[in-house]
Amino acid sequence: MLPWIQTANSFVNNLVWGLPTMVCIIGVGLLPGTVVKLIKEYQDNP
């Protein structure tokens, strides 16, 4: 039973902490920066 639990835990960890997490972490940094730049650009050139 324990090896099955370890295998399932490993699968879930790879799924959660893999590529989707990196995309979310990078996206959270890039999206607000982009929005702020667009707002600033729009306010500078009405």
Protein backbone atom coordinates (compact mmCIF):
# COMPACT_ATOMS: atom_id res chain seq x y z
CA MET A 1 0.00 0.00 0.00
CA LEU A 2 2.82 2.44 0.84
CA PRO A 3 4.54 2.19 -2.57
CA TRP A 4 1.24 2.98 -4.29
CA ILE A 5 0.75 6.05 -2.06
CA GLN A 6 4.31 7.20 -2.81
CA THR A 7 3.73 6.76 -6.54
CA ALA A 8 0.46 8.68 -6.40
CA ASN A 9 2.07 11.43 -4.32
CA SER A 10 4.95 11.72 -6.75
CA PHE A 11 2.53 11.99 -9.69
CA VAL A 12 0.48 14.70 -7.98
CA ASN A 13 3.61 16.62 -6.98
CA ASN A 14 4.94 16.55 -10.53
CA LEU A 15 1.57 17.66 -11.85
CA VAL A 16 1.16 20.51 -9.36
CA TRP A 17 4.75 21.73 -9.15
CA GLY A 18 5.71 21.23 -12.77
CA LEU A 19 5.17 23.44 -15.79
CA PRO A 20 1.77 24.88 -14.74
CA THR A 21 3.28 26.30 -11.57
CA MET A 22 6.19 27.87 -13.41
CA VAL A 23 3.78 29.42 -15.93
CA CYS A 24 1.65 30.83 -13.10
CA ILE A 25 4.63 32.24 -11.22
CA ILE A 26 6.07 33.89 -14.33
CA GLY A 27 2.63 35.06 -15.49
CA VAL A 28 1.88 36.70 -12.15
CA GLY A 29 5.05 38.73 -12.59
CA LEU A 30 4.61 39.61 -16.25
CA LEU A 31 0.90 40.40 -16.37
CA PRO A 32 0.82 43.27 -13.86
CA GLY A 33 3.96 44.77 -15.36
CA THR A 34 2.45 44.69 -18.82
CA VAL A 35 -0.83 46.17 -17.61
CA VAL A 36 0.97 49.00 -15.82
CA LYS A 37 3.01 49.78 -18.93
CA LEU A 38 -0.12 49.82 -21.10
CA ILE A 39 -1.94 52.11 -18.66
CA LYS A 40 1.04 54.46 -18.55
CA GLU A 41 1.29 54.50 -22.34
CA TYR A 42 -2.43 55.21 -22.67
CA GLN A 43 -2.27 58.07 -20.14
CA ASP A 44 0.74 59.64 -21.82
CA ASN A 45 -0.93 59.66 -25.27
CA PRO A 46 -4.65 60.37 -24.91
